[in-house]
Amino acid sequence: MRRNQGQVSMIREGWIAIFIFASVFVWRSEVHAVETVGFKGYPKGSVVIRTNERRLYYVISTEKALRFSVAVGRRGRQWQGHTRVSRKMRNPAWSPPAAVRKDKPHLPKTVPPGPSNPVGVAVLILGNGTYGIHGTNNSASIGKEASYGCIRMKNSDVLNLYAKVRVGTPVYVVK
């Protein structure tokens, strides 16, 4: 059975319309991933992570913050406290810490930047370097208890935060 040229054109236009709709939907979802919300109690320019909410807040005024969805540490791996951003790195290599290597001895000593790197496109190293706020190439983990204590963000979100945060920025991790 042969289709005439008009039918092929209509089918092609239908698929193009579906593709455009899906592309706009995905793009709009990404745009709305970050929200401006009412937020009080922390200094402007600080980062607040509420592990129970699985949210990170970047405080933009005395009454507002940008809110991002994040992945947090698994049960028994979560921590709380106050620290500061000690370093920032784009496209970092990753060396698994001792706790990760103990559970996953098959991991290489260093994972170069790229799609196999679990810290994604950027990292904000916290305090003495044990933990960080970083991107992920596995965005399905966002919103879950998934890490060994680090805070994971979508790569696009960590780049957004990276541009705003400076070395020395205070970071508060609370329940």
Protein backbone atom coordinates (compact mmCIF):
# COMPACT_ATOMS: atom_id res chain seq x y z
CA MET A 1 0.00 0.00 0.00
CA ARG A 2 1.52 3.31 -1.05
CA ARG A 3 0.88 6.61 0.62
CA ASN A 4 0.51 9.64 -1.53
CA GLN A 5 2.74 12.68 -1.05
CA GLY A 6 0.02 14.58 0.87
CA GLN A 7 -0.34 11.83 3.49
CA VAL A 8 3.43 11.64 4.01
CA SER A 9 3.58 15.41 4.41
CA MET A 10 0.76 15.37 7.01
CA ILE A 11 2.46 12.57 8.96
CA ARG A 12 5.78 14.42 8.88
CA GLU A 13 4.13 17.68 10.03
CA GLY A 14 2.39 15.78 12.85
CA TRP A 15 5.70 14.37 14.09
CA ILE A 16 7.32 17.79 13.84
CA ALA A 17 4.50 19.30 15.92
CA ILE A 18 4.89 16.57 18.57
CA PHE A 19 8.66 17.14 18.67
CA ILE A 20 8.24 20.91 19.05
CA PHE A 21 5.63 20.45 21.80
CA ALA A 22 7.86 17.97 23.67
CA SER A 23 10.89 20.25 23.30
CA VAL A 24 9.01 23.27 24.65
CA PHE A 25 7.63 21.17 27.53
CA VAL A 26 11.11 19.94 28.51
CA TRP A 27 12.59 23.43 28.14
CA ARG A 28 9.80 25.01 30.23
CA SER A 29 10.23 22.31 32.89
CA GLU A 30 13.94 23.10 33.12
CA VAL A 31 13.24 26.84 33.32
CA HIS A 32 10.80 26.29 36.19
CA ALA A 33 13.12 23.96 38.09
CA VAL A 34 14.37 26.99 40.05
CA GLU A 35 11.78 28.99 41.96
CA THR A 36 11.92 32.26 43.86
CA VAL A 37 10.23 31.70 47.23
CA GLY A 38 9.69 33.52 50.51
CA PHE A 39 12.53 32.69 52.89
CA LYS A 40 13.78 34.28 56.13
CA GLY A 41 16.33 33.72 58.84
CA TYR A 42 19.64 33.50 56.97
CA PRO A 43 22.04 36.12 55.60
CA LYS A 44 21.82 37.26 52.00
CA GLY A 45 24.22 35.30 49.79
CA SER A 46 24.20 32.18 51.97
CA VAL A 47 23.25 28.64 50.95
CA VAL A 48 20.79 26.67 53.10
CA ILE A 49 20.15 22.97 52.53
CA ARG A 50 17.10 21.44 54.18
CA THR A 51 17.74 17.71 53.96
CA ASN A 52 14.19 16.67 54.95
CA GLU A 53 12.80 18.78 52.10
CA ARG A 54 15.59 17.78 49.71
CA ARG A 55 15.88 21.44 48.77
CA LEU A 56 18.72 23.93 48.53
CA TYR A 57 18.04 27.63 49.02
CA TYR A 58 20.29 30.42 47.79
CA VAL A 59 19.30 33.49 49.83
CA ILE A 60 18.86 36.53 47.55
CA SER A 61 17.38 38.99 50.10
CA THR A 62 16.23 39.13 53.70
CA GLU A 63 12.89 37.68 52.58
CA LYS A 64 13.54 35.66 49.40
CA ALA A 65 15.59 32.76 48.11
CA LEU A 66 16.05 30.71 44.98
CA ARG A 67 14.89 27.15 45.64
CA PHE A 68 16.46 24.14 43.92
CA SER A 69 15.62 20.44 44.18
CA VAL A 70 18.59 18.33 45.30
CA ALA A 71 19.60 14.82 46.29
CA VAL A 72 20.97 14.42 49.80
CA GLY A 73 22.89 11.80 51.73
CA ARG A 74 21.44 8.36 52.31
CA ARG A 75 20.24 7.45 55.80
CA GLY A 76 23.27 7.28 58.04
CA ARG A 77 25.25 9.49 55.63
CA GLN A 78 23.43 12.78 56.19
CA TRP A 79 25.06 15.49 58.23
CA GLN A 80 24.09 18.86 59.65
CA GLY A 81 26.02 21.95 60.50
CA HIS A 82 27.54 25.17 59.28
CA THR A 83 30.48 25.39 56.92
CA ARG A 84 31.74 27.52 54.04
CA VAL A 85 32.54 27.02 50.38
CA SER A 86 36.30 26.44 50.37
CA ARG A 87 36.86 25.91 46.61
CA LYS A 88 35.03 25.89 43.31
CA MET A 89 35.86 23.71 40.31
CA ARG A 90 34.39 23.38 36.81
CA ASN A 91 34.65 20.03 34.99
CA PRO A 92 36.38 18.35 37.92
CA ALA A 93 38.00 14.95 37.97
CA TRP A 94 36.67 12.84 40.85
CA SER A 95 38.61 10.59 43.20
CA PRO A 96 36.30 8.36 45.24
CA PRO A 97 36.72 8.95 49.00
CA ALA A 98 37.64 6.04 51.28
CA ALA A 99 34.02 5.34 52.31
CA VAL A 100 32.96 5.03 48.66
CA ARG A 101 35.98 2.91 47.73
CA LYS A 102 35.23 0.57 50.65
CA ASP A 103 31.71 -0.08 49.29
CA LYS A 104 32.74 -0.01 45.63
CA PRO A 105 36.31 -1.28 45.30
CA HIS A 106 35.93 -1.68 41.53
CA LEU A 107 35.93 2.10 41.02
CA PRO A 108 39.03 3.63 39.43
CA LYS A 109 41.26 5.88 41.53
CA THR A 110 40.20 8.88 39.45
CA VAL A 111 37.27 9.49 37.11
CA PRO A 112 38.03 12.16 34.49
CA PRO A 113 35.52 14.88 33.58
CA GLY A 114 32.74 13.66 31.32
CA PRO A 115 29.53 11.64 31.27
CA SER A 116 30.88 8.92 33.61
CA ASN A 117 31.89 11.41 36.29
CA PRO A 118 29.42 11.35 39.21
CA VAL A 119 30.10 14.97 40.23
CA GLY A 120 28.87 16.37 36.94
CA VAL A 121 30.00 19.67 35.47
CA ALA A 122 30.90 21.63 38.62
CA VAL A 123 31.51 21.30 42.35
CA LEU A 124 31.47 23.66 45.30
CA ILE A 125 33.79 22.04 47.82
CA LEU A 126 32.72 22.54 51.42
CA GLY A 127 34.97 23.07 54.44
CA ASN A 128 37.85 20.58 54.61
CA GLY A 129 36.84 18.90 51.35
CA THR A 130 34.95 15.90 52.74
CA TYR A 131 31.67 17.04 51.17
CA GLY A 132 30.52 19.21 48.33
CA ILE A 133 27.59 20.55 46.38
CA HIS A 134 27.94 19.19 42.88
CA GLY A 135 26.19 18.39 39.65
CA THR A 136 25.20 14.94 38.54
CA ASN A 137 24.96 13.09 35.26
CA ASN A 138 22.13 11.06 36.85
CA SER A 139 19.32 13.59 37.26
CA ALA A 140 16.94 10.76 38.29
CA SER A 141 18.64 10.87 41.72
CA ILE A 142 17.44 14.43 42.37
CA GLY A 143 14.86 14.54 45.15
CA LYS A 144 16.15 11.35 46.77
CA GLU A 145 18.47 10.20 49.53
CA ALA A 146 21.19 9.05 47.19
CA SER A 147 24.71 10.13 48.13
CA TYR A 148 27.44 9.52 50.68
CA GLY A 149 26.72 12.95 52.17
CA CYS A 150 27.27 15.33 49.27
CA ILE A 151 24.48 17.46 47.86
CA ARG A 152 23.63 16.71 44.22
CA MET A 153 22.00 19.12 41.81
CA LYS A 154 21.04 18.97 38.15
CA ASN A 155 24.02 20.09 36.10
CA SER A 156 22.14 23.18 34.89
CA ASP A 157 21.24 24.08 38.49
CA VAL A 158 24.77 23.65 39.85
CA LEU A 159 26.07 25.93 37.09
CA ASN A 160 23.43 28.51 38.05
CA LEU A 161 24.51 28.32 41.71
CA TYR A 162 28.22 28.21 40.79
CA ALA A 163 27.89 31.59 39.06
CA LYS A 164 26.35 33.16 42.18
CA VAL A 165 28.41 31.62 45.00
CA ARG A 166 31.92 32.70 45.99
CA VAL A 167 34.63 31.01 48.00
CA GLY A 168 33.80 31.80 51.63
CA THR A 169 30.02 31.67 51.15
CA PRO A 170 28.35 30.32 54.30
CA VAL A 171 26.49 27.02 53.93
CA TYR A 172 23.96 25.78 56.48
CA VAL A 173 22.82 22.15 56.39
CA VAL A 174 19.70 21.61 58.49
CA LYS A 175 16.92 19.05 58.76
